[in-house]
């Protein structure tokens, strides 16, 4: 039996959860990105953290962050190059409560502490 996935700590949900190219038809496929993938893009590319710093913040191993980051970059590049819309939703994450010592990125203090175990498969059902 595989090991259960560990929740990744996320500072907050994205301001916009869906993006589409201008003039995009509604019948196209959509590229899906999880919230934890979005968080790695935000921390590494937008905030300029290293993968090691990102892994400490998210509470997972550096190799896990590397896998999440590579997956996120692949999905983002696919959406940009092929002109596909994409959505940010699902994944195994825990919203930051703002009390963590490593949280210095302006987290609101109203977040939940429990791990909701949101997975794409569960949301599809």
PDB file of N, CA and C in Angstrom:
ATOM      1  N   UNK A   1       0.844  -1.175   0.000  1.00  0.00           N
ATOM      2  CA  UNK A   1       0.000   0.000   0.000  1.00  0.00           C
ATOM      3  C   UNK A   1       0.890   1.240   0.000  1.00  0.00           C
ATOM      4  N   UNK A   2       0.632   2.198  -0.888  1.00  0.00           N
ATOM      5  CA  UNK A   2       1.469   3.392  -0.943  1.00  0.00           C
ATOM      6  C   UNK A   2       1.297   4.270   0.297  1.00  0.00           C
ATOM      7  N   UNK A   3       2.337   4.993   0.572  1.00  0.00           N
ATOM      8  CA  UNK A   3       2.328   5.900   1.704  1.00  0.00           C
ATOM      9  C   UNK A   3       1.385   7.073   1.436  1.00  0.00           C
ATOM     10  N   UNK A   4       0.626   7.535   2.436  1.00  0.00           N
ATOM     11  CA  UNK A   4      -0.276   8.664   2.203  1.00  0.00           C
ATOM     12  C   UNK A   4       0.511   9.936   1.907  1.00  0.00           C
ATOM     13  N   UNK A   5      -0.052  10.794   1.080  1.00  0.00           N
ATOM     14  CA  UNK A   5       0.613  12.039   0.711  1.00  0.00           C
ATOM     15  C   UNK A   5       0.587  13.018   1.877  1.00  0.00           C
ATOM     16  N   UNK A   6       1.690  13.676   2.097  1.00  0.00           N
ATOM     17  CA  UNK A   6       1.823  14.656   3.163  1.00  0.00           C
ATOM     18  C   UNK A   6       1.257  15.992   2.681  1.00  0.00           C
ATOM     19  N   UNK A   7       0.540  16.684   3.552  1.00  0.00           N
ATOM     20  CA  UNK A   7       0.007  17.994   3.200  1.00  0.00           C
ATOM     21  C   UNK A   7       1.139  18.996   3.055  1.00  0.00           C
ATOM     22  N   UNK A   8       1.007  19.859   2.071  1.00  0.00           N
ATOM     23  CA  UNK A   8       1.983  20.919   1.868  1.00  0.00           C
ATOM     24  C   UNK A   8       1.414  22.212   2.438  1.00  0.00           C
ATOM     25  N   UNK A   9       2.231  22.960   3.160  1.00  0.00           N
ATOM     26  CA  UNK A   9       1.771  24.232   3.728  1.00  0.00           C
ATOM     27  C   UNK A   9       1.733  25.274   2.617  1.00  0.00           C
ATOM     28  N   UNK A  10       0.602  25.961   2.512  1.00  0.00           N
ATOM     29  CA  UNK A  10       0.381  26.973   1.488  1.00  0.00           C
ATOM     30  C   UNK A  10      -0.015  28.268   2.174  1.00  0.00           C
ATOM     31  N   UNK A  11       0.576  29.375   1.738  1.00  0.00           N
ATOM     32  CA  UNK A  11       0.319  30.675   2.358  1.00  0.00           C
ATOM     33  C   UNK A  11      -1.111  31.137   2.134  1.00  0.00           C
ATOM     34  N   UNK A  12      -1.625  30.963   0.965  1.00  0.00           N
ATOM     35  CA  UNK A  12      -2.985  31.402   0.661  1.00  0.00           C
ATOM     36  C   UNK A  12      -3.397  30.915  -0.715  1.00  0.00           C
ATOM     37  N   UNK A  13      -4.658  30.975  -0.973  1.00  0.00           N
ATOM     38  CA  UNK A  13      -5.170  30.569  -2.273  1.00  0.00           C
ATOM     39  C   UNK A  13      -4.903  31.674  -3.290  1.00  0.00           C
ATOM     40  N   UNK A  14      -4.772  31.324  -4.560  1.00  0.00           N
ATOM     41  CA  UNK A  14      -4.500  32.347  -5.573  1.00  0.00           C
ATOM     42  C   UNK A  14      -5.667  33.325  -5.708  1.00  0.00           C
ATOM     43  N   UNK A  15      -5.340  34.568  -6.085  1.00  0.00           N
ATOM     44  CA  UNK A  15      -6.372  35.590  -6.281  1.00  0.00           C
ATOM     45  C   UNK A  15      -7.284  35.229  -7.445  1.00  0.00           C
ATOM     46  N   UNK A  16      -6.727  34.620  -8.465  1.00  0.00           N
ATOM     47  CA  UNK A  16      -7.506  34.161  -9.617  1.00  0.00           C
ATOM     48  C   UNK A  16      -7.211  32.675  -9.797  1.00  0.00           C
ATOM     49  N   UNK A  17      -8.251  31.888  -9.952  1.00  0.00           N
ATOM     50  CA  UNK A  17      -8.041  30.438 -10.048  1.00  0.00           C
ATOM     51  C   UNK A  17      -8.198  29.900 -11.463  1.00  0.00           C
ATOM     52  N   UNK A  18      -8.503  30.753 -12.416  1.00  0.00           N
ATOM     53  CA  UNK A  18      -8.641  30.297 -13.796  1.00  0.00           C
ATOM     54  C   UNK A  18      -8.115  31.368 -14.742  1.00  0.00           C
ATOM     55  N   UNK A  19      -7.449  30.913 -15.795  1.00  0.00           N
ATOM     56  CA  UNK A  19      -6.906  31.805 -16.807  1.00  0.00           C
ATOM     57  C   UNK A  19      -7.212  31.219 -18.172  1.00  0.00           C
ATOM     58  N   UNK A  20      -7.497  32.092 -19.133  1.00  0.00           N
ATOM     59  CA  UNK A  20      -7.762  31.627 -20.484  1.00  0.00           C
ATOM     60  C   UNK A  20      -7.192  32.634 -21.478  1.00  0.00           C
ATOM     61  N   UNK A  21      -6.652  32.147 -22.578  1.00  0.00           N
ATOM     62  CA  UNK A  21      -6.157  33.069 -23.600  1.00  0.00           C
ATOM     63  C   UNK A  21      -7.310  33.839 -24.236  1.00  0.00           C
ATOM     64  N   UNK A  22      -7.005  35.035 -24.694  1.00  0.00           N
ATOM     65  CA  UNK A  22      -8.022  35.864 -25.334  1.00  0.00           C
ATOM     66  C   UNK A  22      -8.491  35.185 -26.609  1.00  0.00           C
ATOM     67  N   UNK A  23      -9.807  35.153 -26.823  1.00  0.00           N
ATOM     68  CA  UNK A  23     -10.367  34.532 -28.015  1.00  0.00           C
ATOM     69  C   UNK A  23     -10.437  33.025 -27.943  1.00  0.00           C
ATOM     70  N   UNK A  24     -10.235  32.478 -26.762  1.00  0.00           N
ATOM     71  CA  UNK A  24     -10.244  31.037 -26.554  1.00  0.00           C
ATOM     72  C   UNK A  24     -11.679  30.514 -26.631  1.00  0.00           C
ATOM     73  N   UNK A  25     -11.885  29.451 -27.398  1.00  0.00           N
ATOM     74  CA  UNK A  25     -13.202  28.834 -27.477  1.00  0.00           C
ATOM     75  C   UNK A  25     -13.495  28.007 -26.234  1.00  0.00           C
ATOM     76  N   UNK A  26     -14.746  27.783 -25.924  1.00  0.00           N
ATOM     77  CA  UNK A  26     -15.123  27.064 -24.719  1.00  0.00           C
ATOM     78  C   UNK A  26     -14.976  25.548 -24.811  1.00  0.00           C
ATOM     79  N   UNK A  27     -14.728  25.002 -25.998  1.00  0.00           N
ATOM     80  CA  UNK A  27     -14.685  23.554 -26.170  1.00  0.00           C
ATOM     81  C   UNK A  27     -13.288  22.970 -25.988  1.00  0.00           C
ATOM     82  N   UNK A  28     -12.286  23.806 -25.664  1.00  0.00           N
ATOM     83  CA  UNK A  28     -10.925  23.313 -25.543  1.00  0.00           C
ATOM     84  C   UNK A  28     -10.711  22.582 -24.226  1.00  0.00           C
ATOM     85  N   UNK A  29      -9.674  21.739 -24.224  1.00  0.00           N
ATOM     86  CA  UNK A  29      -9.285  21.087 -22.977  1.00  0.00           C
ATOM     87  C   UNK A  29      -8.679  22.131 -22.044  1.00  0.00           C
ATOM     88  N   UNK A  30      -8.687  21.854 -20.760  1.00  0.00           N
ATOM     89  CA  UNK A  30      -8.143  22.756 -19.751  1.00  0.00           C
ATOM     90  C   UNK A  30      -6.975  22.083 -19.054  1.00  0.00           C
ATOM     91  N   UNK A  31      -5.917  22.837 -18.818  1.00  0.00           N
ATOM     92  CA  UNK A  31      -4.767  22.337 -18.074  1.00  0.00           C
ATOM     93  C   UNK A  31      -5.041  22.608 -16.601  1.00  0.00           C
ATOM     94  N   UNK A  32      -4.914  21.593 -15.760  1.00  0.00           N
ATOM     95  CA  UNK A  32      -5.169  21.741 -14.328  1.00  0.00           C
ATOM     96  C   UNK A  32      -3.882  21.810 -13.530  1.00  0.00           C
ATOM     97  N   UNK A  33      -3.792  22.786 -12.645  1.00  0.00           N
ATOM     98  CA  UNK A  33      -2.644  22.940 -11.757  1.00  0.00           C
ATOM     99  C   UNK A  33      -3.172  22.898 -10.324  1.00  0.00           C
ATOM    100  N   UNK A  34      -2.486  22.164  -9.455  1.00  0.00           N
ATOM    101  CA  UNK A  34      -2.929  22.088  -8.072  1.00  0.00           C
ATOM    102  C   UNK A  34      -2.461  23.319  -7.292  1.00  0.00           C
ATOM    103  N   UNK A  35      -3.057  23.554  -6.153  1.00  0.00           N
ATOM    104  CA  UNK A  35      -2.708  24.707  -5.323  1.00  0.00           C
ATOM    105  C   UNK A  35      -1.262  24.609  -4.836  1.00  0.00           C
ATOM    106  N   UNK A  36      -0.797  23.412  -4.510  1.00  0.00           N
ATOM    107  CA  UNK A  36       0.593  23.280  -4.074  1.00  0.00           C
ATOM    108  C   UNK A  36       1.574  23.520  -5.226  1.00  0.00           C
ATOM    109  N   UNK A  37       1.184  23.197  -6.456  1.00  0.00           N
ATOM    110  CA  UNK A  37       2.023  23.528  -7.608  1.00  0.00           C
ATOM    111  C   UNK A  37       2.080  25.046  -7.793  1.00  0.00           C
ATOM    112  N   UNK A  38       0.939  25.701  -7.666  1.00  0.00           N
ATOM    113  CA  UNK A  38       0.902  27.162  -7.737  1.00  0.00           C
ATOM    114  C   UNK A  38       1.814  27.771  -6.667  1.00  0.00           C
ATOM    115  N   UNK A  39       1.781  27.216  -5.467  1.00  0.00           N
ATOM    116  CA  UNK A  39       2.587  27.760  -4.366  1.00  0.00           C
ATOM    117  C   UNK A  39       4.085  27.631  -4.647  1.00  0.00           C
ATOM    118  N   UNK A  40       4.510  26.540  -5.253  1.00  0.00           N
ATOM    119  CA  UNK A  40       5.935  26.414  -5.577  1.00  0.00           C
ATOM    120  C   UNK A  40       6.349  27.431  -6.637  1.00  0.00           C
ATOM    121  N   UNK A  41       5.501  27.662  -7.622  1.00  0.00           N
ATOM    122  CA  UNK A  41       5.787  28.691  -8.633  1.00  0.00           C
ATOM    123  C   UNK A  41       5.866  30.059  -7.956  1.00  0.00           C
ATOM    124  N   UNK A  42       4.947  30.342  -7.057  1.00  0.00           N
ATOM    125  CA  UNK A  42       4.927  31.629  -6.363  1.00  0.00           C
ATOM    126  C   UNK A  42       6.181  31.817  -5.516  1.00  0.00           C
ATOM    127  N   UNK A  43       6.538  30.802  -4.747  1.00  0.00           N
ATOM    128  CA  UNK A  43       7.675  30.925  -3.847  1.00  0.00           C
ATOM    129  C   UNK A  43       9.011  30.967  -4.591  1.00  0.00           C
ATOM    130  N   UNK A  44       9.191  30.096  -5.572  1.00  0.00           N
ATOM    131  CA  UNK A  44      10.479  30.001  -6.255  1.00  0.00           C
ATOM    132  C   UNK A  44      10.638  31.093  -7.315  1.00  0.00           C
ATOM    133  N   UNK A  45       9.663  31.244  -8.200  1.00  0.00           N
ATOM    134  CA  UNK A  45       9.806  32.198  -9.298  1.00  0.00           C
ATOM    135  C   UNK A  45       9.427  33.628  -8.897  1.00  0.00           C
ATOM    136  N   UNK A  46       8.338  33.792  -8.191  1.00  0.00           N
ATOM    137  CA  UNK A  46       7.861  35.138  -7.844  1.00  0.00           C
ATOM    138  C   UNK A  46       8.597  35.716  -6.637  1.00  0.00           C
ATOM    139  N   UNK A  47       8.742  34.910  -5.567  1.00  0.00           N
ATOM    140  CA  UNK A  47       9.410  35.386  -4.360  1.00  0.00           C
ATOM    141  C   UNK A  47      10.923  35.234  -4.426  1.00  0.00           C
ATOM    142  N   UNK A  48      11.432  34.392  -5.319  1.00  0.00           N
ATOM    143  CA  UNK A  48      12.869  34.215  -5.478  1.00  0.00           C
ATOM    144  C   UNK A  48      13.518  33.314  -4.442  1.00  0.00           C
ATOM    145  N   UNK A  49      12.754  32.421  -3.833  1.00  0.00           N
ATOM    146  CA  UNK A  49      13.326  31.492  -2.867  1.00  0.00           C
ATOM    147  C   UNK A  49      14.026  30.340  -3.585  1.00  0.00           C
ATOM    148  N   UNK A  50      14.946  29.699  -2.894  1.00  0.00           N
ATOM    149  CA  UNK A  50      15.565  28.494  -3.427  1.00  0.00           C
ATOM    150  C   UNK A  50      14.613  27.316  -3.185  1.00  0.00           C
ATOM    151  N   UNK A  51      14.893  26.198  -3.829  1.00  0.00           N
ATOM    152  CA  UNK A  51      14.061  25.019  -3.595  1.00  0.00           C
ATOM    153  C   UNK A  51      14.180  24.554  -2.153  1.00  0.00           C
ATOM    154  N   UNK A  52      15.331  24.716  -1.554  1.00  0.00           N
ATOM    155  CA  UNK A  52      15.519  24.331  -0.155  1.00  0.00           C
ATOM    156  C   UNK A  52      14.691  25.209   0.780  1.00  0.00           C
ATOM    157  N   UNK A  53      14.676  26.511   0.533  1.00  0.00           N
ATOM    158  CA  UNK A  53      13.868  27.423   1.345  1.00  0.00           C
ATOM    159  C   UNK A  53      12.385  27.137   1.152  1.00  0.00           C
ATOM    160  N   UNK A  54      12.005  26.864  -0.086  1.00  0.00           N
ATOM    161  CA  UNK A  54      10.617  26.533  -0.396  1.00  0.00           C
ATOM    162  C   UNK A  54      10.192  25.256   0.317  1.00  0.00           C
ATOM    163  N   UNK A  55      11.058  24.261   0.338  1.00  0.00           N
ATOM    164  CA  UNK A  55      10.723  22.997   0.998  1.00  0.00           C
ATOM    165  C   UNK A  55      10.568  23.190   2.504  1.00  0.00           C
ATOM    166  N   UNK A  56      11.412  24.031   3.114  1.00  0.00           N
ATOM    167  CA  UNK A  56      11.288  24.302   4.547  1.00  0.00           C
ATOM    168  C   UNK A  56       9.970  24.990   4.840  1.00  0.00           C
ATOM    169  N   UNK A  57       9.578  25.937   4.001  1.00  0.00           N
ATOM    170  CA  UNK A  57       8.314  26.645   4.192  1.00  0.00           C
ATOM    171  C   UNK A  57       7.112  25.716   4.036  1.00  0.00           C
ATOM    172  N   UNK A  58       7.142  24.883   2.988  1.00  0.00           N
ATOM    173  CA  UNK A  58       5.992  24.028   2.703  1.00  0.00           C
ATOM    174  C   UNK A  58       5.935  22.787   3.581  1.00  0.00           C
ATOM    175  N   UNK A  59       7.023  22.474   4.279  1.00  0.00           N
ATOM    176  CA  UNK A  59       7.030  21.336   5.192  1.00  0.00           C
ATOM    177  C   UNK A  59       7.190  19.988   4.509  1.00  0.00           C
ATOM    178  N   UNK A  60       7.884  19.968   3.373  1.00  0.00           N
ATOM    179  CA  UNK A  60       8.138  18.722   2.647  1.00  0.00           C
ATOM    180  C   UNK A  60       9.616  18.674   2.261  1.00  0.00           C
ATOM    181  N   UNK A  61      10.058  17.543   1.750  1.00  0.00           N
ATOM    182  CA  UNK A  61      11.452  17.371   1.337  1.00  0.00           C
ATOM    183  C   UNK A  61      11.762  18.209   0.096  1.00  0.00           C
ATOM    184  N   UNK A  62      13.032  18.554  -0.064  1.00  0.00           N
ATOM    185  CA  UNK A  62      13.448  19.340  -1.221  1.00  0.00           C
ATOM    186  C   UNK A  62      13.177  18.594  -2.525  1.00  0.00           C
ATOM    187  N   UNK A  63      13.361  17.275  -2.512  1.00  0.00           N
ATOM    188  CA  UNK A  63      13.090  16.492  -3.719  1.00  0.00           C
ATOM    189  C   UNK A  63      11.605  16.535  -4.082  1.00  0.00           C
ATOM    190  N   UNK A  64      10.745  16.580  -3.075  1.00  0.00           N
ATOM    191  CA  UNK A  64       9.305  16.697  -3.326  1.00  0.00           C
ATOM    192  C   UNK A  64       8.996  18.047  -3.965  1.00  0.00           C
ATOM    193  N   UNK A  65       9.608  19.110  -3.440  1.00  0.00           N
ATOM    194  CA  UNK A  65       9.410  20.441  -4.025  1.00  0.00           C
ATOM    195  C   UNK A  65       9.896  20.454  -5.466  1.00  0.00           C
ATOM    196  N   UNK A  66      11.022  19.807  -5.730  1.00  0.00           N
ATOM    197  CA  UNK A  66      11.554  19.759  -7.085  1.00  0.00           C
ATOM    198  C   UNK A  66      10.568  19.064  -8.028  1.00  0.00           C
ATOM    199  N   UNK A  67       9.963  17.972  -7.586  1.00  0.00           N
ATOM    200  CA  UNK A  67       8.977  17.264  -8.408  1.00  0.00           C
ATOM    201  C   UNK A  67       7.732  18.120  -8.639  1.00  0.00           C
ATOM    202  N   UNK A  68       7.249  18.776  -7.586  1.00  0.00           N
ATOM    203  CA  UNK A  68       6.067  19.637  -7.703  1.00  0.00           C
ATOM    204  C   UNK A  68       6.365  20.794  -8.658  1.00  0.00           C
ATOM    205  N   UNK A  69       7.528  21.409  -8.496  1.00  0.00           N
ATOM    206  CA  UNK A  69       7.926  22.564  -9.314  1.00  0.00           C
ATOM    207  C   UNK A  69       8.055  22.177 -10.789  1.00  0.00           C
ATOM    208  N   UNK A  70       8.695  21.038 -11.060  1.00  0.00           N
ATOM    209  CA  UNK A  70       8.836  20.587 -12.447  1.00  0.00           C
ATOM    210  C   UNK A  70       7.485  20.298 -13.081  1.00  0.00           C
ATOM    211  N   UNK A  71       6.583  19.700 -12.322  1.00  0.00           N
ATOM    212  CA  UNK A  71       5.240  19.425 -12.818  1.00  0.00           C
ATOM    213  C   UNK A  71       4.488  20.728 -13.108  1.00  0.00           C
ATOM    214  N   UNK A  72       4.611  21.702 -12.214  1.00  0.00           N
ATOM    215  CA  UNK A  72       3.937  22.989 -12.394  1.00  0.00           C
ATOM    216  C   UNK A  72       4.468  23.726 -13.621  1.00  0.00           C
ATOM    217  N   UNK A  73       5.785  23.722 -13.796  1.00  0.00           N
ATOM    218  CA  UNK A  73       6.384  24.399 -14.960  1.00  0.00           C
ATOM    219  C   UNK A  73       5.939  23.742 -16.261  1.00  0.00           C
ATOM    220  N   UNK A  74       5.858  22.414 -16.276  1.00  0.00           N
ATOM    221  CA  UNK A  74       5.416  21.694 -17.470  1.00  0.00           C
ATOM    222  C   UNK A  74       3.977  22.078 -17.823  1.00  0.00           C
ATOM    223  N   UNK A  75       3.110  22.109 -16.820  1.00  0.00           N
ATOM    224  CA  UNK A  75       1.706  22.459 -17.056  1.00  0.00           C
ATOM    225  C   UNK A  75       1.557  23.904 -17.512  1.00  0.00           C
ATOM    226  N   UNK A  76       2.290  24.804 -16.882  1.00  0.00           N
ATOM    227  CA  UNK A  76       2.230  26.213 -17.251  1.00  0.00           C
ATOM    228  C   UNK A  76       2.733  26.430 -18.673  1.00  0.00           C
ATOM    229  N   UNK A  77       3.832  25.790 -19.029  1.00  0.00           N
ATOM    230  CA  UNK A  77       4.368  25.945 -20.387  1.00  0.00           C
ATOM    231  C   UNK A  77       3.430  25.338 -21.427  1.00  0.00           C
ATOM    232  N   UNK A  78       2.792  24.226 -21.101  1.00  0.00           N
ATOM    233  CA  UNK A  78       1.823  23.618 -22.017  1.00  0.00           C
ATOM    234  C   UNK A  78       0.672  24.573 -22.283  1.00  0.00           C
ATOM    235  N   UNK A  79       0.155  25.183 -21.231  1.00  0.00           N
ATOM    236  CA  UNK A  79      -0.959  26.124 -21.387  1.00  0.00           C
ATOM    237  C   UNK A  79      -0.548  27.336 -22.224  1.00  0.00           C
ATOM    238  N   UNK A  80       0.654  27.862 -21.995  1.00  0.00           N
ATOM    239  CA  UNK A  80       1.110  29.041 -22.737  1.00  0.00           C
ATOM    240  C   UNK A  80       1.402  28.724 -24.201  1.00  0.00           C
ATOM    241  N   UNK A  81       2.138  27.659 -24.448  1.00  0.00           N
ATOM    242  CA  UNK A  81       2.556  27.334 -25.820  1.00  0.00           C
ATOM    243  C   UNK A  81       1.374  26.885 -26.668  1.00  0.00           C
ATOM    244  N   UNK A  82       0.488  26.074 -26.102  1.00  0.00           N
ATOM    245  CA  UNK A  82      -0.639  25.546 -26.873  1.00  0.00           C
ATOM    246  C   UNK A  82      -1.868  26.443 -26.803  1.00  0.00           C
ATOM    247  N   UNK A  83      -1.801  27.543 -26.050  1.00  0.00           N
ATOM    248  CA  UNK A  83      -2.927  28.473 -25.962  1.00  0.00           C
ATOM    249  C   UNK A  83      -4.142  27.887 -25.284  1.00  0.00           C
ATOM    250  N   UNK A  84      -3.907  27.086 -24.241  1.00  0.00           N
ATOM    251  CA  UNK A  84      -5.009  26.436 -23.530  1.00  0.00           C
ATOM    252  C   UNK A  84      -5.333  27.172 -22.229  1.00  0.00           C
ATOM    253  N   UNK A  85      -6.599  27.170 -21.832  1.00  0.00           N
ATOM    254  CA  UNK A  85      -6.938  27.732 -20.528  1.00  0.00           C
ATOM    255  C   UNK A  85      -6.451  26.805 -19.417  1.00  0.00           C
ATOM    256  N   UNK A  86      -6.216  27.359 -18.235  1.00  0.00           N
ATOM    257  CA  UNK A  86      -5.859  26.488 -17.115  1.00  0.00           C
ATOM    258  C   UNK A  86      -6.507  26.959 -15.833  1.00  0.00           C
ATOM    259  N   UNK A  87      -6.683  25.980 -14.924  1.00  0.00           N
ATOM    260  CA  UNK A  87      -7.334  26.206 -13.630  1.00  0.00           C
ATOM    261  C   UNK A  87      -6.385  25.801 -12.519  1.00  0.00           C
ATOM    262  N   UNK A  88      -6.498  26.492 -11.383  1.00  0.00           N
ATOM    263  CA  UNK A  88      -5.722  26.154 -10.197  1.00  0.00           C
ATOM    264  C   UNK A  88      -6.718  25.676  -9.153  1.00  0.00           C
ATOM    265  N   UNK A  89      -6.641  24.379  -8.812  1.00  0.00           N
ATOM    266  CA  UNK A  89      -7.569  23.813  -7.833  1.00  0.00           C
ATOM    267  C   UNK A  89      -7.067  22.450  -7.376  1.00  0.00           C
ATOM    268  N   UNK A  90      -7.506  22.049  -6.201  1.00  0.00           N
ATOM    269  CA  UNK A  90      -7.195  20.724  -5.690  1.00  0.00           C
ATOM    270  C   UNK A  90      -5.790  20.582  -5.149  1.00  0.00           C
ATOM    271  N   UNK A  91      -5.418  19.360  -4.856  1.00  0.00           N
ATOM    272  CA  UNK A  91      -4.105  19.055  -4.300  1.00  0.00           C
ATOM    273  C   UNK A  91      -4.192  18.762  -2.809  1.00  0.00           C
ATOM    274  N   UNK A  92      -3.086  18.321  -2.244  1.00  0.00           N
ATOM    275  CA  UNK A  92      -3.003  18.037  -0.815  1.00  0.00           C
ATOM    276  C   UNK A  92      -2.265  19.185  -0.148  1.00  0.00           C
ATOM    277  N   UNK A  93      -3.005  20.083   0.464  1.00  0.00           N
ATOM    278  CA  UNK A  93      -2.385  21.247   1.067  1.00  0.00           C
ATOM    279  C   UNK A  93      -3.078  21.644   2.359  1.00  0.00           C
ATOM    280  N   UNK A  94      -2.367  22.438   3.122  1.00  0.00           N
ATOM    281  CA  UNK A  94      -2.862  22.960   4.387  1.00  0.00           C
ATOM    282  C   UNK A  94      -2.613  24.464   4.362  1.00  0.00           C
ATOM    283  N   UNK A  95      -3.654  25.246   4.550  1.00  0.00           N
ATOM    284  CA  UNK A  95      -3.478  26.693   4.543  1.00  0.00           C
ATOM    285  C   UNK A  95      -2.761  27.136   5.803  1.00  0.00           C
ATOM    286  N   UNK A  96      -1.823  28.051   5.652  1.00  0.00           N
ATOM    287  CA  UNK A  96      -1.023  28.569   6.755  1.00  0.00           C
ATOM    288  C   UNK A  96      -1.908  29.360   7.711  1.00  0.00           C
ATOM    289  N   UNK A  97      -1.648  29.213   9.002  1.00  0.00           N
ATOM    290  CA  UNK A  97      -2.435  29.957   9.990  1.00  0.00           C
ATOM    291  C   UNK A  97      -1.776  31.280  10.374  1.00  0.00           C
ATOM    292  N   UNK A  98      -0.620  31.591   9.791  1.00  0.00           N
ATOM    293  CA  UNK A  98       0.053  32.854  10.059  1.00  0.00           C
ATOM    294  C   UNK A  98       0.904  32.858  11.307  1.00  0.00           C
ATOM    295  N   UNK A  99       0.902  31.767  12.057  1.00  0.00           N
ATOM    296  CA  UNK A  99       1.671  31.714  13.302  1.00  0.00           C
ATOM    297  C   UNK A  99       3.017  31.026  13.126  1.00  0.00           C
ATOM    298  N   UNK A 100       3.241  30.394  12.008  1.00  0.00           N
ATOM    299  CA  UNK A 100       4.493  29.671  11.796  1.00  0.00           C
ATOM    300  C   UNK A 100       5.657  30.656  11.738  1.00  0.00           C
ATOM    301  N   UNK A 101       6.755  30.298  12.354  1.00  0.00           N
ATOM    302  CA  UNK A 101       7.915  31.166  12.380  1.00  0.00           C
ATOM    303  C   UNK A 101       8.519  31.392  11.013  1.00  0.00           C
ATOM    304  N   UNK A 102       8.323  30.431  10.098  1.00  0.00           N
ATOM    305  CA  UNK A 102       8.914  30.571   8.773  1.00  0.00           C
ATOM    306  C   UNK A 102       8.018  31.359   7.833  1.00  0.00           C
ATOM    307  N   UNK A 103       6.848  31.731   8.297  1.00  0.00           N
ATOM    308  CA  UNK A 103       5.906  32.423   7.425  1.00  0.00           C
ATOM    309  C   UNK A 103       6.176  33.922   7.468  1.00  0.00           C
ATOM    310  N   UNK A 104       6.852  34.423   6.477  1.00  0.00           N
ATOM    311  CA  UNK A 104       7.127  35.840   6.421  1.00  0.00           C
ATOM    312  C   UNK A 104       6.618  36.471   5.147  1.00  0.00           C
ATOM    313  N   UNK A 105       5.648  35.833   4.502  1.00  0.00           N
ATOM    314  CA  UNK A 105       5.174  36.311   3.209  1.00  0.00           C
ATOM    315  C   UNK A 105       3.765  36.877   3.280  1.00  0.00           C
ATOM    316  N   UNK A 106       3.413  37.472   4.405  1.00  0.00           N
ATOM    317  CA  UNK A 106       2.142  38.178   4.499  1.00  0.00           C
ATOM    318  C   UNK A 106       0.918  37.301   4.545  1.00  0.00           C
ATOM    319  N   UNK A 107       0.994  36.194   5.247  1.00  0.00           N
ATOM    320  CA  UNK A 107      -0.165  35.306   5.342  1.00  0.00           C
ATOM    321  C   UNK A 107      -1.250  35.945   6.204  1.00  0.00           C
ATOM    322  N   UNK A 108      -2.489  35.897   5.759  1.00  0.00           N
ATOM    323  CA  UNK A 108      -3.577  36.307   6.631  1.00  0.00           C
ATOM    324  C   UNK A 108      -3.675  35.337   7.806  1.00  0.00           C
ATOM    325  N   UNK A 109      -4.083  35.786   8.945  1.00  0.00           N
ATOM    326  CA  UNK A 109      -4.133  34.949  10.138  1.00  0.00           C
ATOM    327  C   UNK A 109      -5.449  34.203  10.297  1.00  0.00           C
ATOM    328  N   UNK A 110      -6.335  34.228   9.318  1.00  0.00           N
ATOM    329  CA  UNK A 110      -7.641  33.600   9.459  1.00  0.00           C
ATOM    330  C   UNK A 110      -7.710  32.208   8.862  1.00  0.00           C
ATOM    331  N   UNK A 111      -6.620  31.638   8.447  1.00  0.00           N
ATOM    332  CA  UNK A 111      -6.656  30.343   7.761  1.00  0.00           C
ATOM    333  C   UNK A 111      -6.925  29.182   8.715  1.00  0.00           C
ATOM    334  N   UNK A 112      -7.421  28.114   8.126  1.00  0.00           N
ATOM    335  CA  UNK A 112      -7.628  26.877   8.867  1.00  0.00           C
ATOM    336  C   UNK A 112      -6.309  26.190   9.141  1.00  0.00           C
ATOM    337  N   UNK A 113      -6.266  25.383  10.200  1.00  0.00           N
ATOM    338  CA  UNK A 113      -5.052  24.671  10.550  1.00  0.00           C
ATOM    339  C   UNK A 113      -5.072  23.218  10.108  1.00  0.00           C
ATOM    340  N   UNK A 114      -6.220  22.615   9.982  1.00  0.00           N
ATOM    341  CA  UNK A 114      -6.276  21.197   9.650  1.00  0.00           C
ATOM    342  C   UNK A 114      -5.934  20.967   8.188  1.00  0.00           C
ATOM    343  N   UNK A 115      -5.583  19.753   7.900  1.00  0.00           N
ATOM    344  CA  UNK A 115      -5.294  19.366   6.525  1.00  0.00           C
ATOM    345  C   UNK A 115      -6.575  18.830   5.894  1.00  0.00           C
ATOM    346  N   UNK A 116      -7.145  19.533   4.940  1.00  0.00           N
ATOM    347  CA  UNK A 116      -8.403  19.088   4.352  1.00  0.00           C
ATOM    348  C   UNK A 116      -8.246  17.954   3.355  1.00  0.00           C
ATOM    349  N   UNK A 117      -7.009  17.589   2.996  1.00  0.00           N
ATOM    350  CA  UNK A 117      -6.742  16.499   2.043  1.00  0.00           C
ATOM    351  C   UNK A 117      -7.578  16.666   0.777  1.00  0.00           C
ATOM    352  N   UNK A 118      -7.470  17.803   0.157  1.00  0.00           N
ATOM    353  CA  UNK A 118      -8.183  18.045  -1.087  1.00  0.00           C
ATOM    354  C   UNK A 118      -7.407  17.396  -2.214  1.00  0.00           C
ATOM    355  N   UNK A 119      -8.007  16.471  -2.886  1.00  0.00           N
ATOM    356  CA  UNK A 119      -7.330  15.844  -4.026  1.00  0.00           C
ATOM    357  C   UNK A 119      -8.203  16.018  -5.258  1.00  0.00           C
ATOM    358  N   UNK A 120      -7.566  16.002  -6.393  1.00  0.00           N
ATOM    359  CA  UNK A 120      -8.305  16.202  -7.651  1.00  0.00           C
ATOM    360  C   UNK A 120      -9.326  15.099  -7.852  1.00  0.00           C
ATOM    361  N   UNK A 121      -8.990  13.875  -7.470  1.00  0.00           N
ATOM    362  CA  UNK A 121      -9.917  12.765  -7.656  1.00  0.00           C
ATOM    363  C   UNK A 121     -11.151  12.925  -6.791  1.00  0.00           C
ATOM    364  N   UNK A 122     -10.974  13.388  -5.534  1.00  0.00           N
ATOM    365  CA  UNK A 122     -12.110  13.557  -4.641  1.00  0.00           C
ATOM    366  C   UNK A 122     -13.020  14.670  -5.117  1.00  0.00           C
ATOM    367  N   UNK A 123     -12.441  15.756  -5.675  1.00  0.00           N
ATOM    368  CA  UNK A 123     -13.253  16.871  -6.132  1.00  0.00           C
ATOM    369  C   UNK A 123     -14.021  16.518  -7.395  1.00  0.00           C
ATOM    370  N   UNK A 124     -13.496  15.595  -8.195  1.00  0.00           N
ATOM    371  CA  UNK A 124     -14.159  15.217  -9.433  1.00  0.00           C
ATOM    372  C   UNK A 124     -15.394  14.365  -9.157  1.00  0.00           C
ATOM    373  N   UNK A 125     -15.422  13.724  -8.009  1.00  0.00           N
ATOM    374  CA  UNK A 125     -16.545  12.831  -7.692  1.00  0.00           C
ATOM    375  C   UNK A 125     -17.733  13.611  -7.209  1.00  0.00           C
TER     376      UNK A 125
END
